[in-house]
Amino acid sequence: MYEKEIKLKIRELPEDLRREVLDYIEFLLRKYKSGEIEARKFKFDWEGGLSEIREKFSSVELQHKALEWR
């Protein structure tokens, strides 16, 4: 899809930057092949972490408190 555009841009680069592009492509290939992207998905392991204070505070009150802390 972008092959022609990529080739044109790479030809414009000096040799040392072409090597950097190649290194980056290799990095991306390793990253996606190793499943690293899959492992970085967001987890909900924190869910229920504040259940003991559920009766004391509403979610809106907690949001306001979080804004104060920022």
PDB file of N, CA and C in Angstrom:
ATOM      1  N   MET A   1       0.814  -1.183   0.000  1.00  0.00           N
ATOM      2  CA  MET A   1       0.000   0.000   0.000  1.00  0.00           C
ATOM      3  C   MET A   1       0.864   1.256   0.000  1.00  0.00           C
ATOM      4  N   TYR A   2       1.843   1.301   0.896  1.00  0.00           N
ATOM      5  CA  TYR A   2       2.712   2.468   0.993  1.00  0.00           C
ATOM      6  C   TYR A   2       4.114   2.201   0.449  1.00  0.00           C
ATOM      7  N   GLU A   3       4.308   1.069  -0.195  1.00  0.00           N
ATOM      8  CA  GLU A   3       5.644   0.654  -0.606  1.00  0.00           C
ATOM      9  C   GLU A   3       6.346   1.698  -1.477  1.00  0.00           C
ATOM     10  N   LYS A   4       5.644   2.215  -2.478  1.00  0.00           N
ATOM     11  CA  LYS A   4       6.258   3.197  -3.383  1.00  0.00           C
ATOM     12  C   LYS A   4       6.664   4.456  -2.637  1.00  0.00           C
ATOM     13  N   GLU A   5       5.784   4.926  -1.773  1.00  0.00           N
ATOM     14  CA  GLU A   5       6.080   6.132  -1.004  1.00  0.00           C
ATOM     15  C   GLU A   5       7.268   5.915  -0.069  1.00  0.00           C
ATOM     16  N   ILE A   6       7.306   4.758   0.566  1.00  0.00           N
ATOM     17  CA  ILE A   6       8.414   4.431   1.466  1.00  0.00           C
ATOM     18  C   ILE A   6       9.726   4.378   0.695  1.00  0.00           C
ATOM     19  N   LYS A   7       9.717   3.714  -0.464  1.00  0.00           N
ATOM     20  CA  LYS A   7      10.933   3.619  -1.277  1.00  0.00           C
ATOM     21  C   LYS A   7      11.430   4.996  -1.698  1.00  0.00           C
ATOM     22  N   LEU A   8      10.525   5.860  -2.103  1.00  0.00           N
ATOM     23  CA  LEU A   8      10.924   7.217  -2.518  1.00  0.00           C
ATOM     24  C   LEU A   8      11.543   7.991  -1.355  1.00  0.00           C
ATOM     25  N   LYS A   9      10.934   7.890  -0.198  1.00  0.00           N
ATOM     26  CA  LYS A   9      11.456   8.607   0.977  1.00  0.00           C
ATOM     27  C   LYS A   9      12.821   8.064   1.390  1.00  0.00           C
ATOM     28  N   ILE A  10      12.981   6.751   1.358  1.00  0.00           N
ATOM     29  CA  ILE A  10      14.255   6.150   1.759  1.00  0.00           C
ATOM     30  C   ILE A  10      15.372   6.574   0.817  1.00  0.00           C
ATOM     31  N   ARG A  11      15.082   6.672  -0.463  1.00  0.00           N
ATOM     32  CA  ARG A  11      16.098   7.093  -1.439  1.00  0.00           C
ATOM     33  C   ARG A  11      16.605   8.502  -1.158  1.00  0.00           C
ATOM     34  N   GLU A  12      15.778   9.331  -0.548  1.00  0.00           N
ATOM     35  CA  GLU A  12      16.168  10.701  -0.241  1.00  0.00           C
ATOM     36  C   GLU A  12      17.103  10.788   0.971  1.00  0.00           C
ATOM     37  N   LEU A  13      17.141   9.735   1.764  1.00  0.00           N
ATOM     38  CA  LEU A  13      17.931   9.754   2.999  1.00  0.00           C
ATOM     39  C   LEU A  13      19.400   9.460   2.729  1.00  0.00           C
ATOM     40  N   PRO A  14      20.285  10.044   3.534  1.00  0.00           N
ATOM     41  CA  PRO A  14      21.697   9.663   3.453  1.00  0.00           C
ATOM     42  C   PRO A  14      21.883   8.234   3.975  1.00  0.00           C
ATOM     43  N   GLU A  15      22.987   7.642   3.639  1.00  0.00           N
ATOM     44  CA  GLU A  15      23.243   6.226   3.944  1.00  0.00           C
ATOM     45  C   GLU A  15      23.102   5.901   5.432  1.00  0.00           C
ATOM     46  N   ASP A  16      23.621   6.756   6.313  1.00  0.00           N
ATOM     47  CA  ASP A  16      23.551   6.458   7.745  1.00  0.00           C
ATOM     48  C   ASP A  16      22.108   6.448   8.260  1.00  0.00           C
ATOM     49  N   LEU A  17      21.266   7.301   7.711  1.00  0.00           N
ATOM     50  CA  LEU A  17      19.868   7.302   8.123  1.00  0.00           C
ATOM     51  C   LEU A  17      19.099   6.124   7.525  1.00  0.00           C
ATOM     52  N   ARG A  18      19.528   5.652   6.383  1.00  0.00           N
ATOM     53  CA  ARG A  18      18.910   4.450   5.822  1.00  0.00           C
ATOM     54  C   ARG A  18      19.124   3.268   6.762  1.00  0.00           C
ATOM     55  N   ARG A  19      20.310   3.219   7.357  1.00  0.00           N
ATOM     56  CA  ARG A  19      20.616   2.147   8.309  1.00  0.00           C
ATOM     57  C   ARG A  19      19.696   2.247   9.525  1.00  0.00           C
ATOM     58  N   GLU A  20      19.425   3.461   9.983  1.00  0.00           N
ATOM     59  CA  GLU A  20      18.509   3.645  11.108  1.00  0.00           C
ATOM     60  C   GLU A  20      17.102   3.178  10.763  1.00  0.00           C
ATOM     61  N   VAL A  21      16.672   3.474   9.558  1.00  0.00           N
ATOM     62  CA  VAL A  21      15.349   3.027   9.110  1.00  0.00           C
ATOM     63  C   VAL A  21      15.295   1.502   9.110  1.00  0.00           C
ATOM     64  N   LEU A  22      16.321   0.875   8.602  1.00  0.00           N
ATOM     65  CA  LEU A  22      16.376  -0.580   8.580  1.00  0.00           C
ATOM     66  C   LEU A  22      16.350  -1.144  10.004  1.00  0.00           C
ATOM     67  N   ASP A  23      17.104  -0.539  10.906  1.00  0.00           N
ATOM     68  CA  ASP A  23      17.102  -0.973  12.300  1.00  0.00           C
ATOM     69  C   ASP A  23      15.704  -0.862  12.910  1.00  0.00           C
ATOM     70  N   TYR A  24      15.031   0.238  12.615  1.00  0.00           N
ATOM     71  CA  TYR A  24      13.689   0.440  13.160  1.00  0.00           C
ATOM     72  C   TYR A  24      12.702  -0.587  12.612  1.00  0.00           C
ATOM     73  N   ILE A  25      12.806  -0.878  11.339  1.00  0.00           N
ATOM     74  CA  ILE A  25      11.933  -1.889  10.737  1.00  0.00           C
ATOM     75  C   ILE A  25      12.171  -3.242  11.394  1.00  0.00           C
ATOM     76  N   GLU A  26      13.428  -3.581  11.625  1.00  0.00           N
ATOM     77  CA  GLU A  26      13.747  -4.850  12.287  1.00  0.00           C
ATOM     78  C   GLU A  26      13.190  -4.876  13.705  1.00  0.00           C
ATOM     79  N   PHE A  27      13.281  -3.740  14.401  1.00  0.00           N
ATOM     80  CA  PHE A  27      12.720  -3.630  15.750  1.00  0.00           C
ATOM     81  C   PHE A  27      11.211  -3.886  15.723  1.00  0.00           C
ATOM     82  N   LEU A  28      10.511  -3.250  14.788  1.00  0.00           N
ATOM     83  CA  LEU A  28       9.057  -3.424  14.689  1.00  0.00           C
ATOM     84  C   LEU A  28       8.691  -4.873  14.376  1.00  0.00           C
ATOM     85  N   LEU A  29       9.442  -5.496  13.493  1.00  0.00           N
ATOM     86  CA  LEU A  29       9.171  -6.893  13.152  1.00  0.00           C
ATOM     87  C   LEU A  29       9.349  -7.809  14.364  1.00  0.00           C
ATOM     88  N   ARG A  30      10.411  -7.588  15.123  1.00  0.00           N
ATOM     89  CA  ARG A  30      10.634  -8.393  16.332  1.00  0.00           C
ATOM     90  C   ARG A  30       9.525  -8.159  17.348  1.00  0.00           C
ATOM     91  N   LYS A  31       9.140  -6.911  17.503  1.00  0.00           N
ATOM     92  CA  LYS A  31       8.125  -6.549  18.491  1.00  0.00           C
ATOM     93  C   LYS A  31       6.789  -7.214  18.182  1.00  0.00           C
ATOM     94  N   TYR A  32       6.379  -7.191  16.948  1.00  0.00           N
ATOM     95  CA  TYR A  32       5.095  -7.774  16.587  1.00  0.00           C
ATOM     96  C   TYR A  32       5.143  -9.290  16.517  1.00  0.00           C
ATOM     97  N   LYS A  33       6.273  -9.853  16.140  1.00  0.00           N
ATOM     98  CA  LYS A  33       6.385 -11.307  16.075  1.00  0.00           C
ATOM     99  C   LYS A  33       6.470 -11.929  17.458  1.00  0.00           C
ATOM    100  N   SER A  34       7.067 -11.221  18.409  1.00  0.00           N
ATOM    101  CA  SER A  34       7.268 -11.788  19.738  1.00  0.00           C
ATOM    102  C   SER A  34       6.003 -11.789  20.578  1.00  0.00           C
ATOM    103  N   GLY A  35       4.953 -11.119  20.112  1.00  0.00           N
ATOM    104  CA  GLY A  35       3.719 -11.053  20.885  1.00  0.00           C
ATOM    105  C   GLY A  35       3.748  -9.983  21.947  1.00  0.00           C
ATOM    106  N   GLU A  36       4.752  -9.111  21.906  1.00  0.00           N
ATOM    107  CA  GLU A  36       4.871  -8.055  22.905  1.00  0.00           C
ATOM    108  C   GLU A  36       3.650  -7.150  22.902  1.00  0.00           C
ATOM    109  N   ILE A  37       3.092  -6.913  21.742  1.00  0.00           N
ATOM    110  CA  ILE A  37       1.906  -6.062  21.641  1.00  0.00           C
ATOM    111  C   ILE A  37       0.748  -6.709  22.387  1.00  0.00           C
ATOM    112  N   GLU A  38       0.604  -7.992  22.235  1.00  0.00           N
ATOM    113  CA  GLU A  38      -0.473  -8.714  22.895  1.00  0.00           C
ATOM    114  C   GLU A  38      -0.323  -8.612  24.408  1.00  0.00           C
ATOM    115  N   ALA A  39       0.895  -8.689  24.901  1.00  0.00           N
ATOM    116  CA  ALA A  39       1.136  -8.656  26.338  1.00  0.00           C
ATOM    117  C   ALA A  39       0.891  -7.281  26.928  1.00  0.00           C
ATOM    118  N   ARG A  40       0.913  -6.241  26.128  1.00  0.00           N
ATOM    119  CA  ARG A  40       0.762  -4.888  26.641  1.00  0.00           C
ATOM    120  C   ARG A  40      -0.689  -4.421  26.684  1.00  0.00           C
ATOM    121  N   LYS A  41      -1.629  -5.296  26.389  1.00  0.00           N
ATOM    122  CA  LYS A  41      -3.029  -4.910  26.449  1.00  0.00           C
ATOM    123  C   LYS A  41      -3.394  -4.530  27.877  1.00  0.00           C
ATOM    124  N   PHE A  42      -4.335  -3.622  27.991  1.00  0.00           N
ATOM    125  CA  PHE A  42      -4.759  -3.141  29.297  1.00  0.00           C
ATOM    126  C   PHE A  42      -5.437  -4.253  30.078  1.00  0.00           C
ATOM    127  N   LYS A  43      -5.096  -4.360  31.339  1.00  0.00           N
ATOM    128  CA  LYS A  43      -5.671  -5.378  32.204  1.00  0.00           C
ATOM    129  C   LYS A  43      -6.556  -4.701  33.252  1.00  0.00           C
ATOM    130  N   PHE A  44      -7.585  -5.374  33.664  1.00  0.00           N
ATOM    131  CA  PHE A  44      -8.472  -4.867  34.699  1.00  0.00           C
ATOM    132  C   PHE A  44      -8.200  -5.565  36.032  1.00  0.00           C
ATOM    133  N   ASP A  45      -6.950  -5.839  36.333  1.00  0.00           N
ATOM    134  CA  ASP A  45      -6.627  -6.538  37.567  1.00  0.00           C
ATOM    135  C   ASP A  45      -6.840  -5.670  38.803  1.00  0.00           C
ATOM    136  N   TRP A  46      -7.054  -4.380  38.612  1.00  0.00           N
ATOM    137  CA  TRP A  46      -7.317  -3.470  39.715  1.00  0.00           C
ATOM    138  C   TRP A  46      -8.797  -3.433  40.073  1.00  0.00           C
ATOM    139  N   GLU A  47      -9.638  -4.027  39.239  1.00  0.00           N
ATOM    140  CA  GLU A  47     -11.089  -3.973  39.427  1.00  0.00           C
ATOM    141  C   GLU A  47     -11.469  -4.498  40.812  1.00  0.00           C
ATOM    142  N   GLY A  48     -12.278  -3.737  41.510  1.00  0.00           N
ATOM    143  CA  GLY A  48     -12.722  -4.113  42.849  1.00  0.00           C
ATOM    144  C   GLY A  48     -11.739  -3.742  43.937  1.00  0.00           C
ATOM    145  N   GLY A  49     -10.686  -3.037  43.594  1.00  0.00           N
ATOM    146  CA  GLY A  49      -9.655  -2.676  44.564  1.00  0.00           C
ATOM    147  C   GLY A  49     -10.127  -1.729  45.653  1.00  0.00           C
ATOM    148  N   LEU A  50     -11.183  -0.979  45.400  1.00  0.00           N
ATOM    149  CA  LEU A  50     -11.718  -0.052  46.402  1.00  0.00           C
ATOM    150  C   LEU A  50     -13.081  -0.493  46.923  1.00  0.00           C
ATOM    151  N   SER A  51     -13.383  -1.756  46.785  1.00  0.00           N
ATOM    152  CA  SER A  51     -14.711  -2.244  47.173  1.00  0.00           C
ATOM    153  C   SER A  51     -15.001  -2.043  48.653  1.00  0.00           C
ATOM    154  N   GLU A  52     -13.968  -2.012  49.496  1.00  0.00           N
ATOM    155  CA  GLU A  52     -14.190  -1.853  50.934  1.00  0.00           C
ATOM    156  C   GLU A  52     -14.679  -0.448  51.308  1.00  0.00           C
ATOM    157  N   ILE A  53     -14.484   0.538  50.416  1.00  0.00           N
ATOM    158  CA  ILE A  53     -14.967   1.894  50.719  1.00  0.00           C
ATOM    159  C   ILE A  53     -16.187   2.268  49.872  1.00  0.00           C
ATOM    160  N   ARG A  54     -16.788   1.280  49.283  1.00  0.00           N
ATOM    161  CA  ARG A  54     -17.945   1.500  48.397  1.00  0.00           C
ATOM    162  C   ARG A  54     -19.072   2.237  49.106  1.00  0.00           C
ATOM    163  N   GLU A  55     -19.318   1.913  50.360  1.00  0.00           N
ATOM    164  CA  GLU A  55     -20.425   2.524  51.103  1.00  0.00           C
ATOM    165  C   GLU A  55     -20.093   3.938  51.575  1.00  0.00           C
ATOM    166  N   LYS A  56     -18.822   4.285  51.684  1.00  0.00           N
ATOM    167  CA  LYS A  56     -18.426   5.611  52.190  1.00  0.00           C
ATOM    168  C   LYS A  56     -18.432   6.691  51.115  1.00  0.00           C
ATOM    169  N   PHE A  57     -18.067   6.347  49.889  1.00  0.00           N
ATOM    170  CA  PHE A  57     -17.902   7.340  48.837  1.00  0.00           C
ATOM    171  C   PHE A  57     -18.610   6.904  47.561  1.00  0.00           C
ATOM    172  N   SER A  58     -19.154   7.889  46.843  1.00  0.00           N
ATOM    173  CA  SER A  58     -19.721   7.593  45.526  1.00  0.00           C
ATOM    174  C   SER A  58     -18.606   7.720  44.483  1.00  0.00           C
ATOM    175  N   SER A  59     -18.856   7.223  43.292  1.00  0.00           N
ATOM    176  CA  SER A  59     -17.851   7.323  42.235  1.00  0.00           C
ATOM    177  C   SER A  59     -17.584   8.783  41.879  1.00  0.00           C
ATOM    178  N   VAL A  60     -18.602   9.625  41.948  1.00  0.00           N
ATOM    179  CA  VAL A  60     -18.436  11.058  41.649  1.00  0.00           C
ATOM    180  C   VAL A  60     -17.535  11.710  42.694  1.00  0.00           C
ATOM    181  N   GLU A  61     -17.736  11.361  43.965  1.00  0.00           N
ATOM    182  CA  GLU A  61     -16.886  11.913  45.026  1.00  0.00           C
ATOM    183  C   GLU A  61     -15.428  11.488  44.827  1.00  0.00           C
ATOM    184  N   LEU A  62     -15.216  10.255  44.432  1.00  0.00           N
ATOM    185  CA  LEU A  62     -13.852   9.780  44.176  1.00  0.00           C
ATOM    186  C   LEU A  62     -13.225  10.495  42.982  1.00  0.00           C
ATOM    187  N   GLN A  63     -14.025  10.777  41.960  1.00  0.00           N
ATOM    188  CA  GLN A  63     -13.516  11.530  40.802  1.00  0.00           C
ATOM    189  C   GLN A  63     -13.077  12.921  41.210  1.00  0.00           C
ATOM    190  N   HIS A  64     -13.884  13.575  42.044  1.00  0.00           N
ATOM    191  CA  HIS A  64     -13.527  14.917  42.508  1.00  0.00           C
ATOM    192  C   HIS A  64     -12.250  14.873  43.352  1.00  0.00           C
ATOM    193  N   LYS A  65     -12.127  13.874  44.188  1.00  0.00           N
ATOM    194  CA  LYS A  65     -10.925  13.733  45.011  1.00  0.00           C
ATOM    195  C   LYS A  65      -9.690  13.511  44.138  1.00  0.00           C
ATOM    196  N   ALA A  66      -9.827  12.693  43.101  1.00  0.00           N
ATOM    197  CA  ALA A  66      -8.706  12.428  42.195  1.00  0.00           C
ATOM    198  C   ALA A  66      -8.280  13.705  41.495  1.00  0.00           C
ATOM    199  N   LEU A  67      -9.234  14.551  41.123  1.00  0.00           N
ATOM    200  CA  LEU A  67      -8.900  15.831  40.495  1.00  0.00           C
ATOM    201  C   LEU A  67      -8.149  16.752  41.455  1.00  0.00           C
ATOM    202  N   GLU A  68      -8.513  16.710  42.723  1.00  0.00           N
ATOM    203  CA  GLU A  68      -7.799  17.511  43.735  1.00  0.00           C
ATOM    204  C   GLU A  68      -6.340  17.076  43.841  1.00  0.00           C
ATOM    205  N   TRP A  69      -6.104  15.787  43.765  1.00  0.00           N
ATOM    206  CA  TRP A  69      -4.756  15.234  43.931  1.00  0.00           C
ATOM    207  C   TRP A  69      -3.857  15.537  42.759  1.00  0.00           C
ATOM    208  N   ARG A  70      -4.415  15.821  41.598  1.00  0.00           N
ATOM    209  CA  ARG A  70      -3.592  16.094  40.410  1.00  0.00           C
ATOM    210  C   ARG A  70      -2.968  17.406  40.496  1.00  0.00           C
TER     211      ARG A  70
END
